[in-house]
C-alpha atoms as a PDB file:
ATOM      1  CA  MET A   1       4.740  24.216  12.899  1.00  0.00           C
ATOM      2  CA  ARG A   2       2.707  25.933  14.833  1.00  0.00           C
ATOM      3  CA  LEU A   3       2.652  25.948  18.589  1.00  0.00           C
ATOM      4  CA  ASP A   4      -0.877  26.266  20.656  1.00  0.00           C
ATOM      5  CA  HIS A   5      -1.751  26.253  24.223  1.00  0.00           C
ATOM      6  CA  VAL A   6      -4.438  23.768  24.578  1.00  0.00           C
ATOM      7  CA  CYS A   7      -6.023  23.401  28.434  1.00  0.00           C
ATOM      8  CA  PRO A   8      -6.961  19.824  28.939  1.00  0.00           C
ATOM      9  CA  ARG A   9     -10.865  19.286  29.622  1.00  0.00           C
ATOM     10  CA  ASP A  10     -11.461  16.912  32.172  1.00  0.00           C
ATOM     11  CA  GLY A  11      -7.663  15.731  32.400  1.00  0.00           C
ATOM     12  CA  GLU A  12      -7.910  14.808  28.637  1.00  0.00           C
ATOM     13  CA  ILE A  13      -6.219  16.647  26.077  1.00  0.00           C
ATOM     14  CA  VAL A  14      -8.189  15.583  22.659  1.00  0.00           C
ATOM     15  CA  ILE A  15      -6.404  15.968  19.211  1.00  0.00           C
ATOM     16  CA  ARG A  16      -8.706  16.134  16.646  1.00  0.00           C
ATOM     17  CA  ASP A  17      -7.517  14.529  12.728  1.00  0.00           C
ATOM     18  CA  GLU A  18      -7.451  18.022  11.674  1.00  0.00           C
ATOM     19  CA  ASP A  19      -5.151  19.367  13.930  1.00  0.00           C
ATOM     20  CA  ALA A  20      -2.814  17.198  12.400  1.00  0.00           C
ATOM     21  CA  ALA A  21      -0.555  18.039   9.454  1.00  0.00           C
ATOM     22  CA  PRO A  22      -0.546  15.326   6.572  1.00  0.00           C
ATOM     23  CA  ILE A  23       2.496  12.961   7.096  1.00  0.00           C
ATOM     24  CA  GLU A  24       4.307  14.650   3.802  1.00  0.00           C
ATOM     25  CA  THR A  25       4.137  17.891   5.268  1.00  0.00           C
ATOM     26  CA  THR A  26       5.992  16.259   8.577  1.00  0.00           C
ATOM     27  CA  TRP A  27       8.325  13.914   7.082  1.00  0.00           C
ATOM     28  CA  GLY A  28       8.354  14.567   3.118  1.00  0.00           C
ATOM     29  CA  PHE A  29       7.816  11.536   0.672  1.00  0.00           C
ATOM     30  CA  CYS A  30       8.764   8.528   2.729  1.00  0.00           C
ATOM     31  CA  LEU A  31       8.618   4.799   2.359  1.00  0.00           C
ATOM     32  CA  ILE A  32       8.949   2.462   5.493  1.00  0.00           C
ATOM     33  CA  GLY A  33      10.934  -0.566   4.851  1.00  0.00           C
ATOM     34  CA  CYS A  34      11.792  -3.674   6.569  1.00  0.00           C
ATOM     35  CA  PHE A  35      13.701  -6.854   5.777  1.00  0.00           C
ATOM     36  CA  THR A  36      12.783 -10.340   5.986  1.00  0.00           C
ATOM     37  CA  GLY A  37      14.767 -12.559   8.566  1.00  0.00           C
ATOM     38  CA  ARG A  38      17.738 -10.490  10.615  1.00  0.00           C
ATOM     39  CA  PHE A  39      18.477  -7.236   9.596  1.00  0.00           C
ATOM     40  CA  PRO A  40      21.645  -7.243   7.516  1.00  0.00           C
ATOM     41  CA  GLY A  41      23.371  -4.223   8.180  1.00  0.00           C
ATOM     42  CA  GLY A  42      23.591  -0.504   7.497  1.00  0.00           C
ATOM     43  CA  LYS A  43      26.187  -1.170   4.644  1.00  0.00           C
ATOM     44  CA  ALA A  44      23.520  -3.634   2.966  1.00  0.00           C
ATOM     45  CA  VAL A  45      21.037  -0.857   3.165  1.00  0.00           C
ATOM     46  CA  GLN A  46      23.158   1.370   1.165  1.00  0.00           C
ATOM     47  CA  LYS A  47      24.225  -1.358  -1.379  1.00  0.00           C
ATOM     48  CA  VAL A  48      20.348  -2.051  -1.714  1.00  0.00           C
ATOM     49  CA  THR A  49      19.328   1.547  -2.517  1.00  0.00           C
ATOM     50  CA  LYS A  50      22.266   2.406  -5.027  1.00  0.00           C
ATOM     51  CA  PRO A  51      20.349   0.930  -8.263  1.00  0.00           C
ATOM     52  CA  TRP A  52      17.192   2.980  -7.335  1.00  0.00           C
ATOM     53  CA  GLY A  53      19.103   5.894  -9.573  1.00  0.00           C
ATOM     54  CA  VAL A  54      17.561   8.469  -7.003  1.00  0.00           C
ATOM     55  CA  LYS A  55      18.331  10.291  -4.236  1.00  0.00           C
ATOM     56  CA  VAL A  56      17.144   8.937  -0.823  1.00  0.00           C
ATOM     57  CA  LYS A  57      18.116   9.569   2.520  1.00  0.00           C
ATOM     58  CA  ILE A  58      18.334   6.568   4.864  1.00  0.00           C
ATOM     59  CA  LEU A  59      17.025   6.977   8.235  1.00  0.00           C
ATOM     60  CA  PRO A  60      17.237   4.211  10.852  1.00  0.00           C
ATOM     61  CA  TYR A  61      13.855   3.789  12.951  1.00  0.00           C
ATOM     62  CA  SER A  62      13.436   0.642  14.954  1.00  0.00           C
ATOM     63  CA  LYS A  63      14.040  -2.987  15.155  1.00  0.00           C
ATOM     64  CA  GLY A  64      15.445  -3.112  11.793  1.00  0.00           C
ATOM     65  CA  TRP A  65      13.205  -0.740  10.210  1.00  0.00           C
ATOM     66  CA  THR A  66      14.229   1.983   7.802  1.00  0.00           C
ATOM     67  CA  ILE A  67      12.776   4.930   6.582  1.00  0.00           C
ATOM     68  CA  PHE A  68      13.588   5.677   3.208  1.00  0.00           C
ATOM     69  CA  ARG A  69      12.858   9.696   2.461  1.00  0.00           C
ATOM     70  CA  PHE A  70      12.745  10.683  -1.294  1.00  0.00           C
ATOM     71  CA  HIS A  71      13.147  14.174  -2.930  1.00  0.00           C
ATOM     72  CA  SER A  72       9.567  13.630  -4.890  1.00  0.00           C
ATOM     73  CA  GLU A  73       6.651  11.589  -4.791  1.00  0.00           C
ATOM     74  CA  ASP A  74       7.692  10.369  -8.260  1.00  0.00           C
ATOM     75  CA  ASP A  75      10.805   9.209  -6.952  1.00  0.00           C
ATOM     76  CA  ARG A  76       9.253   7.233  -4.022  1.00  0.00           C
ATOM     77  CA  ASP A  77       6.600   5.909  -6.074  1.00  0.00           C
ATOM     78  CA  LYS A  78       9.341   4.847  -8.712  1.00  0.00           C
ATOM     79  CA  VAL A  79      11.157   2.765  -6.117  1.00  0.00           C
ATOM     80  CA  PHE A  80       7.779   1.633  -4.436  1.00  0.00           C
ATOM     81  CA  ASN A  81       6.565  -0.006  -7.801  1.00  0.00           C
ATOM     82  CA  GLY A  82      10.501  -1.216  -9.319  1.00  0.00           C
ATOM     83  CA  GLY A  83      10.446  -3.959  -6.432  1.00  0.00           C
ATOM     84  CA  PRO A  84      11.207  -6.547  -5.617  1.00  0.00           C
ATOM     85  CA  TYR A  85      14.330  -5.419  -3.819  1.00  0.00           C
ATOM     86  CA  MET A  86      16.765  -8.490  -2.548  1.00  0.00           C
ATOM     87  CA  ILE A  87      20.493  -8.266  -0.843  1.00  0.00           C
ATOM     88  CA  TYR A  88      22.080 -11.199   0.759  1.00  0.00           C
ATOM     89  CA  GLY A  89      18.543 -13.548   0.345  1.00  0.00           C
ATOM     90  CA  LYS A  90      16.788 -11.144   1.800  1.00  0.00           C
ATOM     91  CA  THR A  91      13.878  -9.441   0.811  1.00  0.00           C
ATOM     92  CA  LEU A  92      13.188  -5.712   1.405  1.00  0.00           C
ATOM     93  CA  MET A  93       9.769  -5.136   2.007  1.00  0.00           C
ATOM     94  CA  LEU A  94       8.230  -1.805   1.507  1.00  0.00           C
ATOM     95  CA  LYS A  95       5.269   0.162   2.478  1.00  0.00           C
ATOM     96  CA  TYR A  96       3.991   3.533   2.776  1.00  0.00           C
ATOM     97  CA  ILE A  97       3.773   5.283   6.070  1.00  0.00           C
ATOM     98  CA  PRO A  98       0.393   4.739   7.241  1.00  0.00           C
ATOM     99  CA  THR A  99      -1.085   8.012   7.111  1.00  0.00           C
ATOM    100  CA  ASN A 100      -1.955   7.959  11.528  1.00  0.00           C
ATOM    101  CA  GLY A 101       1.962   7.757  11.287  1.00  0.00           C
ATOM    102  CA  VAL A 102       1.529   4.974  13.701  1.00  0.00           C
ATOM    103  CA  LEU A 103       4.246   1.776  12.754  1.00  0.00           C
ATOM    104  CA  ASP A 104       3.895  -1.759  14.269  1.00  0.00           C
ATOM    105  CA  ALA A 105       4.495  -5.229  13.097  1.00  0.00           C
ATOM    106  CA  ASP A 106       0.926  -5.362  11.701  1.00  0.00           C
ATOM    107  CA  HIS A 107       1.556  -2.836   9.292  1.00  0.00           C
ATOM    108  CA  PHE A 108       3.867  -5.682   7.268  1.00  0.00           C
ATOM    109  CA  LEU A 109       1.159  -8.412   7.152  1.00  0.00           C
ATOM    110  CA  ASP A 110       0.057  -7.452   3.876  1.00  0.00           C
ATOM    111  CA  ILE A 111       2.729  -7.159   1.463  1.00  0.00           C
ATOM    112  CA  PRO A 112       2.883  -7.037  -2.057  1.00  0.00           C
ATOM    113  CA  LEU A 113       3.500 -10.004  -4.158  1.00  0.00           C
ATOM    114  CA  TRP A 114       5.261 -10.499  -7.574  1.00  0.00           C
ATOM    115  CA  VAL A 115       4.650 -13.314  -9.811  1.00  0.00           C
ATOM    116  CA  LYS A 116       6.378 -14.819 -12.801  1.00  0.00           C
ATOM    117  CA  VAL A 117       3.715 -16.449 -15.306  1.00  0.00           C
ATOM    118  CA  TYR A 118       5.069 -18.271 -18.093  1.00  0.00           C
ATOM    119  CA  ASP A 119       3.611 -19.323 -21.208  1.00  0.00           C
ATOM    120  CA  VAL A 120       0.507 -17.747 -21.186  1.00  0.00           C
ATOM    121  CA  PRO A 121      -1.873 -17.881 -23.832  1.00  0.00           C
ATOM    122  CA  LEU A 122      -2.210 -14.715 -25.682  1.00  0.00           C
ATOM    123  CA  ARG A 123      -5.859 -14.393 -25.009  1.00  0.00           C
ATOM    124  CA  TYR A 124      -5.277 -13.885 -21.415  1.00  0.00           C
END
């Protein structure tokens, strides 16, 4: 990362969107994860990642959130689309890291929903 000296203008430093690198350039291919209910612990996180079948680096983040860093975009997308993932009755909710890099609880207000529908007529 190249560092430059920036003179504040009226006591403010303005960072334009074009000054920031894409999140993948800095962090790589990542997902942010959060379990429903209480955090089940680091060993549970490792256990839930084993069946994924891809190399993943587990980075504890904050307040039960975990960042999962993958070696490739394909590995990340495979895991993201392969859910749901559960351990000890808790669901691991996964999201792409937002492009602005700001993580907060609102990021998990919209979650993917998996539904199994039985005996659907073939025409549907």
